[in-house]
Protein backbone atom coordinates (compact mmCIF):
# COMPACT_ATOMS: atom_id res chain seq x y z
CA MET A 1 10.43 37.65 14.12
CA THR A 2 6.90 37.96 11.98
CA ASN A 3 4.34 40.48 12.74
CA ILE A 4 1.43 37.85 13.02
CA ASN A 5 -1.26 40.63 11.64
CA GLN A 6 0.41 40.65 8.43
CA ILE A 7 0.65 36.78 7.61
CA ALA A 8 -1.84 35.44 5.06
CA TRP A 9 -2.60 31.99 6.60
CA ASP A 10 -3.62 29.69 3.79
CA ASP A 11 -1.04 27.75 2.26
CA THR A 12 1.69 28.26 5.16
CA VAL A 13 3.14 26.30 7.90
CA LEU A 14 3.62 28.14 11.20
CA PRO A 15 6.45 26.81 13.56
CA PHE A 16 5.93 27.49 17.45
CA GLN A 17 7.50 26.57 20.74
CA LEU A 18 5.60 26.03 23.83
CA ASP A 19 8.24 27.91 26.33
CA ARG A 20 6.53 26.14 29.65
CA SER A 21 7.93 22.81 28.27
CA SER A 22 10.44 21.23 25.91
CA ILE A 23 7.82 20.84 23.14
CA ARG A 24 8.04 22.36 19.61
CA GLY A 25 5.20 22.26 17.25
CA ARG A 26 3.89 23.52 13.95
CA ILE A 27 0.22 24.41 12.34
CA ALA A 28 -0.19 23.88 8.77
CA ARG A 29 -2.94 25.29 6.41
CA LEU A 30 -3.26 24.45 3.16
CA ASP A 31 -5.87 25.58 0.74
CA GLY A 32 -4.96 26.38 -2.80
CA VAL A 33 -1.79 23.86 -2.82
CA LEU A 34 -4.11 20.91 -1.75
CA ASP A 35 -7.11 21.91 -4.09
CA HIS A 36 -4.43 22.06 -7.03
CA ILE A 37 -2.91 18.76 -6.37
CA LEU A 38 -6.45 16.92 -6.23
CA SER A 39 -8.11 19.12 -8.80
CA ARG A 40 -5.72 17.21 -11.44
CA HIS A 41 -7.27 13.90 -10.71
CA ASP A 42 -10.73 12.81 -10.59
CA TYR A 43 -9.88 10.91 -7.59
CA PRO A 44 -12.84 8.74 -5.66
CA ALA A 45 -13.52 9.99 -2.16
CA PRO A 46 -11.50 7.31 -0.21
CA VAL A 47 -8.13 8.10 -2.61
CA ALA A 48 -8.76 12.03 -2.46
CA ASN A 49 -9.11 11.84 1.68
CA ALA A 50 -5.62 9.49 1.47
CA VAL A 51 -3.87 11.88 -0.80
CA ALA A 52 -5.02 14.86 1.53
CA GLU A 53 -4.08 13.59 4.72
CA LEU A 54 -0.43 12.36 3.48
CA ALA A 55 0.20 15.73 2.13
CA LEU A 56 -0.81 17.67 5.07
CA LEU A 57 1.56 15.32 7.00
CA THR A 58 4.39 16.08 4.64
CA ALA A 59 3.81 19.93 4.63
CA LEU A 60 4.23 19.74 8.63
CA ILE A 61 7.23 17.15 8.54
CA GLY A 62 8.96 18.99 6.04
CA GLN A 63 9.30 22.40 7.53
CA THR A 64 10.70 20.63 10.70
CA VAL A 65 13.76 18.67 8.97
CA LYS A 66 16.39 21.03 8.33
CA LEU A 67 16.40 20.34 4.37
CA ARG A 68 18.45 21.26 1.39
CA TRP A 69 16.48 19.40 -1.12
CA LYS A 70 13.45 16.95 -0.88
CA LEU A 71 11.54 14.78 2.07
CA SER A 72 9.05 12.32 0.64
CA LEU A 73 6.65 10.53 2.31
CA GLN A 74 5.45 7.06 0.71
CA VAL A 75 2.53 4.71 1.43
CA ARG A 76 2.36 1.17 -0.14
CA GLY A 77 0.05 -1.68 0.46
CA ASN A 78 -1.83 -4.43 -0.65
CA GLY A 79 -5.26 -3.22 -0.70
CA ALA A 80 -7.18 -1.16 -3.13
CA LEU A 81 -5.18 1.79 -2.26
CA ARG A 82 -1.56 0.65 -3.77
CA THR A 83 0.57 3.50 -3.36
CA ILE A 84 0.01 7.02 -1.78
CA ALA A 85 3.32 9.56 -2.12
CA ALA A 86 4.09 12.95 -1.31
CA ASP A 87 7.10 15.24 -1.80
CA TYR A 88 8.53 18.57 -0.18
CA TYR A 89 10.77 20.46 -1.57
CA ALA A 90 12.73 23.04 0.52
CA PRO A 91 12.68 26.57 -0.43
CA GLU A 92 15.45 27.50 -2.89
CA THR A 93 16.20 31.13 -1.49
CA GLU A 94 15.91 32.49 1.60
CA GLY A 95 12.58 33.66 2.14
CA GLY A 96 11.03 31.46 -0.67
CA PRO A 97 8.14 28.93 -0.62
CA ALA A 98 8.61 25.05 0.08
CA ARG A 99 6.99 23.14 -2.91
CA LEU A 100 4.52 20.65 -2.35
CA ARG A 101 3.00 17.73 -4.57
CA ALA A 102 1.26 14.36 -4.06
CA TRP A 103 -0.58 11.42 -6.01
CA ALA A 104 -2.02 8.02 -5.31
CA SER A 105 -2.21 4.88 -7.54
CA PHE A 106 -5.48 2.20 -6.83
CA ASP A 107 -7.93 -0.32 -8.10
CA GLU A 108 -10.82 1.18 -8.36
CA THR A 109 -12.87 -2.17 -8.61
CA ARG A 110 -11.61 -2.60 -5.05
CA LEU A 111 -12.47 0.46 -3.23
CA THR A 112 -15.42 0.36 -0.78
CA ASP A 113 -17.20 2.59 1.73
CA ALA A 114 -14.65 1.90 4.53
CA PRO A 115 -12.21 4.40 5.80
CA HIS A 116 -9.15 5.16 3.42
CA PHE A 117 -6.68 3.70 5.74
CA ASP A 118 -8.25 0.32 5.87
CA GLN A 119 -8.29 0.26 2.18
CA ILE A 120 -4.35 0.32 2.15
CA GLY A 121 -3.92 -3.04 3.34
CA GLU A 122 -0.59 -4.75 4.56
CA GLY A 123 2.20 -2.58 4.12
CA TYR A 124 4.61 0.20 4.94
CA PHE A 125 4.92 3.81 5.91
CA ALA A 126 8.15 5.38 4.74
CA ILE A 127 10.03 8.64 4.97
CA LEU A 128 13.20 9.69 2.79
CA ILE A 129 15.12 12.60 3.23
CA ASP A 130 17.21 13.40 -0.13
CA GLN A 131 19.80 16.31 0.71
CA GLY A 132 21.11 16.53 -2.82
CA ALA A 133 24.08 15.35 -5.09
CA GLY A 134 26.73 13.91 -2.88
CA ASN A 135 24.95 13.21 0.06
CA LEU A 136 23.73 9.38 0.57
CA PRO A 137 19.53 9.46 1.31
CA TYR A 138 17.91 8.45 3.97
CA GLN A 139 14.96 6.06 4.53
CA GLY A 140 13.07 5.11 7.56
CA ILE A 141 10.26 2.79 7.22
CA THR A 142 7.47 1.74 9.47
CA PRO A 143 4.58 -0.69 9.41
CA LEU A 144 1.08 0.33 8.95
CA ALA A 145 -0.62 0.56 12.09
CA GLY A 146 -2.61 2.89 14.13
CA GLY A 147 -5.42 3.29 12.43
CA SER A 148 -4.45 6.38 10.36
CA LEU A 149 -1.56 7.77 8.34
CA SER A 150 -0.75 10.21 11.15
CA ALA A 151 -0.54 7.51 13.64
CA CYS A 152 2.31 5.64 11.37
CA ALA A 153 3.95 9.00 11.21
CA GLY A 154 3.97 9.13 14.85
CA THR A 155 5.31 5.37 15.46
CA TYR A 156 8.07 6.35 12.82
CA PHE A 157 9.43 9.13 14.95
CA ALA A 158 9.09 7.45 18.08
CA GLN A 159 10.62 4.17 16.92
CA SER A 160 13.40 5.51 14.52
CA GLU A 161 14.08 9.12 15.96
CA GLN A 162 13.23 8.57 19.86
CA LEU A 163 11.15 12.00 19.53
CA PRO A 164 7.31 11.31 20.77
CA THR A 165 5.16 13.19 17.99
CA SER A 166 1.58 13.57 17.97
CA PHE A 167 -0.49 15.12 15.14
CA ALA A 168 -4.11 16.71 14.87
CA LEU A 169 -5.51 16.69 11.11
CA SER A 170 -8.77 17.86 9.34
CA TYR A 171 -9.36 17.86 5.95
CA GLY A 172 -12.28 18.01 3.16
CA ARG A 173 -13.98 20.01 0.61
CA SER A 174 -15.13 23.47 1.87
CA THR A 175 -18.66 24.44 1.02
CA LEU A 176 -18.68 27.85 3.12
CA PRO A 177 -21.83 30.27 1.82
CA GLY A 178 -20.25 32.91 -0.71
CA GLN A 179 -16.95 30.93 -1.50
CA ARG A 180 -15.87 28.49 -4.22
CA GLU A 181 -16.11 24.69 -3.53
CA GLY A 182 -12.65 23.53 -3.02
CA TRP A 183 -10.26 21.58 -0.73
CA ARG A 184 -9.17 22.67 2.52
CA ALA A 185 -7.25 21.32 5.16
CA GLY A 186 -5.33 21.87 8.46
CA GLY A 187 -3.41 20.22 11.22
CA ILE A 188 -1.19 20.56 14.33
CA MET A 189 2.15 18.73 15.08
CA LEU A 190 3.29 18.38 18.35
CA GLN A 191 6.93 17.13 19.19
CA THR A 192 9.30 16.79 21.83
CA LEU A 193 12.93 15.89 22.77
CA PRO A 194 14.12 13.80 25.21
CA THR A 195 16.83 15.38 27.59
CA GLN A 196 18.56 11.69 28.57
CA PRO A 197 19.32 9.32 26.23
CA MET A 198 16.81 6.38 26.29
CA SER A 199 18.42 3.21 28.58
CA GLY A 200 18.04 -0.44 26.93
CA GLU A 201 16.21 -1.32 23.53
CA GLY A 202 12.83 -0.72 25.50
CA GLY A 203 9.46 -1.10 23.83
CA SER A 204 6.40 -1.60 25.55
CA GLY A 205 4.17 -0.80 22.87
CA GLU A 206 2.19 -3.48 20.88
CA GLY A 207 4.58 -5.76 19.04
CA GLY A 208 7.45 -3.92 20.50
CA LEU A 209 6.78 -0.76 19.52
CA ILE A 210 8.37 2.32 21.30
CA GLU A 211 5.84 4.84 22.61
CA ALA A 212 6.12 8.06 24.42
CA ALA A 213 6.09 6.70 27.63
CA ASP A 214 9.06 4.35 26.79
CA ILE A 215 10.92 7.56 26.27
CA LEU A 216 9.66 10.29 28.34
CA GLN A 217 9.78 10.46 32.32
CA GLY A 218 8.99 12.61 35.01
CA ALA A 219 8.16 16.19 34.28
CA GLU A 220 9.11 15.62 30.69
CA SER A 221 6.38 12.78 30.62
CA GLU A 222 3.94 14.95 32.63
CA ASP A 223 4.69 18.03 29.80
CA TRP A 224 3.94 15.83 27.24
CA ASN A 225 0.52 14.54 28.45
CA ARG A 226 -0.43 17.59 29.07
CA ALA A 227 -0.22 18.78 26.00
CA ASN A 228 -1.82 16.14 24.16
CA HIS A 229 -4.37 16.63 26.31
CA LEU A 230 -5.04 20.31 25.02
CA LEU A 231 -4.50 18.95 21.58
CA ALA A 232 -7.18 16.74 21.81
CA THR A 233 -9.41 19.58 22.60
CA VAL A 234 -9.33 20.97 19.26
CA GLU A 235 -12.05 20.94 16.67
CA GLU A 236 -12.02 20.00 13.21
CA MET A 237 -12.99 23.17 11.91
CA GLU A 238 -10.79 25.30 14.07
CA LEU A 239 -7.90 23.13 12.18
CA ILE A 240 -9.39 23.95 8.94
CA GLY A 241 -10.24 27.50 9.16
CA PRO A 242 -10.41 30.03 7.53
CA THR A 243 -12.16 32.38 10.31
CA LEU A 244 -9.50 31.35 13.11
CA ALA A 245 -6.00 32.27 12.39
CA PRO A 246 -3.66 29.88 13.52
CA THR A 247 -2.21 32.01 16.03
CA GLU A 248 -5.72 32.51 17.61
CA LEU A 249 -5.97 28.86 17.78
CA LEU A 250 -2.41 28.28 19.47
CA VAL A 251 -4.12 30.96 22.41
CA ARG A 252 -6.66 29.06 22.78
CA LEU A 253 -4.92 25.74 23.21
CA PHE A 254 -2.17 26.40 24.81
CA HIS A 255 -2.30 30.01 26.38
CA GLU A 256 -0.82 28.77 29.79
CA GLU A 257 1.64 26.64 28.00
CA MET A 258 3.25 30.31 26.94
CA PRO A 259 3.34 29.62 22.94
CA ARG A 260 6.08 31.17 21.03
CA VAL A 261 5.58 31.54 17.10
CA PHE A 262 8.60 31.74 14.80
CA ASP A 263 8.33 32.77 11.05
CA PRO A 264 5.84 31.28 8.58
CA GLN A 265 6.76 29.05 5.59
CA ARG A 266 4.78 29.86 2.50
CA VAL A 267 4.14 26.42 0.57
CA GLU A 268 3.12 26.33 -3.28
CA PHE A 269 2.46 23.39 -5.72
CA GLY A 270 5.45 22.27 -7.37
CA CYS A 271 6.36 19.59 -9.60
CA THR A 272 10.05 18.63 -11.03
CA CYS A 273 9.11 17.09 -13.96
CA THR A 274 10.77 18.27 -17.13
CA GLU A 275 11.18 16.52 -20.93
CA ASP A 276 14.80 16.09 -19.80
CA ARG A 277 13.95 14.01 -16.84
CA VAL A 278 11.47 11.98 -18.52
CA ARG A 279 13.69 11.28 -21.27
CA GLY A 280 16.52 10.58 -18.67
CA THR A 281 14.03 7.91 -17.00
CA LEU A 282 13.81 6.29 -20.38
CA SER A 283 17.36 6.16 -21.26
CA ILE A 284 17.67 2.49 -19.46
CA TYR A 285 15.62 0.97 -21.84
CA SER A 286 16.68 -0.80 -25.45
CA GLN A 287 15.41 0.00 -28.60
CA LYS A 288 13.45 -3.27 -28.60
CA ASP A 289 11.73 -1.99 -25.30
CA ILE A 290 11.29 1.43 -26.51
CA ALA A 291 9.20 -0.30 -29.66
CA HIS A 292 6.76 -1.80 -27.17
CA MET A 293 5.86 1.51 -25.72
CA THR A 294 5.34 3.33 -29.26
CA THR A 295 1.81 4.17 -30.14
CA GLU A 296 0.41 3.93 -33.56
CA ASP A 297 0.99 7.19 -34.27
CA GLY A 298 4.76 6.67 -34.18
CA ARG A 299 5.08 8.46 -30.99
CA VAL A 300 6.04 7.60 -27.32
CA THR A 301 4.07 9.32 -24.66
CA ALA A 302 4.58 9.87 -20.79
CA ASP A 303 2.16 11.46 -18.38
CA CYS A 304 3.49 12.81 -14.92
CA GLN A 305 1.67 11.30 -12.22
CA PHE A 306 2.06 14.15 -9.85
CA CYS A 307 0.98 17.18 -12.26
CA GLY A 308 -0.47 15.46 -15.36
CA ALA A 309 1.84 16.80 -17.80
CA HIS A 310 1.93 14.96 -20.90
CA TYR A 311 4.94 14.47 -23.02
CA GLU A 312 5.73 12.79 -26.42
CA PHE A 313 8.88 11.96 -27.92
CA ASP A 314 10.36 10.22 -31.27
CA PRO A 315 11.22 6.75 -30.32
CA LYS A 316 14.25 7.23 -32.45
CA SER A 317 15.76 9.79 -29.60
CA LEU A 318 15.05 7.38 -26.37
CA GLY A 319 16.77 4.84 -24.99
CA PHE A 320 20.52 3.83 -24.55
CA GLU A 321 20.52 3.05 -28.20
CA ALA A 322 19.31 6.32 -29.87
CA THR A 323 19.91 7.29 -33.19
CA VAL A 324 18.58 10.81 -33.21
CA ASP A 325 18.91 13.57 -30.72
CA ALA A 326 16.04 15.59 -29.06
CA ASP A 327 15.89 17.67 -32.10
CA GLY A 328 15.42 14.83 -34.25
CA LYS A 329 19.12 15.37 -35.59
CA PRO A 330 21.16 12.22 -36.34
CA LEU A 331 23.51 11.11 -33.35
CA ALA A 332 26.21 10.15 -36.33
CA GLU A 333 25.85 13.63 -38.06
CA THR A 334 25.78 15.44 -34.22
CA GLY A 335 29.29 13.43 -33.78
CA GLN A 336 30.69 14.30 -36.99
CA ASP A 337 30.24 17.88 -36.47
CA ASP A 338 31.52 17.90 -32.68
CA ALA A 339 34.90 16.45 -34.07
CA ARG A 340 35.12 19.13 -36.71
CA GLN A 341 35.11 21.95 -34.11
């Protein structure tokens, strides 16, 4: 257990359990991480809000899944907001930070003043779990519905995992007196596990979607409804902070539910892009394809969508027909040298 008075709450995810019921949860606070993600792109307000919501969901869900490598949340639609993606990388060492990154693609000419979810259009919400080399990746998909990305995530867990799940989220730019302006986000995730397997295929929700009422019965249903009624009383500024610690918020919301906290998880911005990874991505192209990508200056350039890193390459070193290595040395000569060793 951790001394809660020693925790720096920004950029952390705090797991908790409500001992009165079979409900677990997470409280996330994102400050520098989210500001780092969004400061790398000059996103219009609807796009920035969409990225903030998905990044916050990814931090909450990523800490729930026992990952060995990466969890990805992806949203794709046919509206002005075409793609929103966020990745959560599990800590590489015991007690180390998790890493988070996110980005979006959009058609600025189609953006309006409508809520960002309405500007995604028709499409899907996907959760992907990659446990690393030697393991098959998992992917679950649910349609875009419910009016928010958090509602989509709740539908995914109810339908694919039979885990009733709910969220309360808040995000925006902080303009508190005496503090620099920047993005902050905070959220709570509640989730319960059914003690009895669900019988039949069920699904009384709209379009046959499974809802909490289809999974929980009796005391479990009462516990779930009571916890969500309490969650609905949370205020946006209580979620974002920074004046109210997550532990204090738990006591305010759930003191009668006997909340118990566990060790918090630190979260940092992190991107896995490298020159070798980008070069590997371009290795599938022919020299003819590479020629179309080559600038007038005779270079092939690439920018990371997540962190904005800029890469430049000699076109002769790219593609499966490359004639020189990364250092510009002819591959034929390299082969001769290797043969003489």
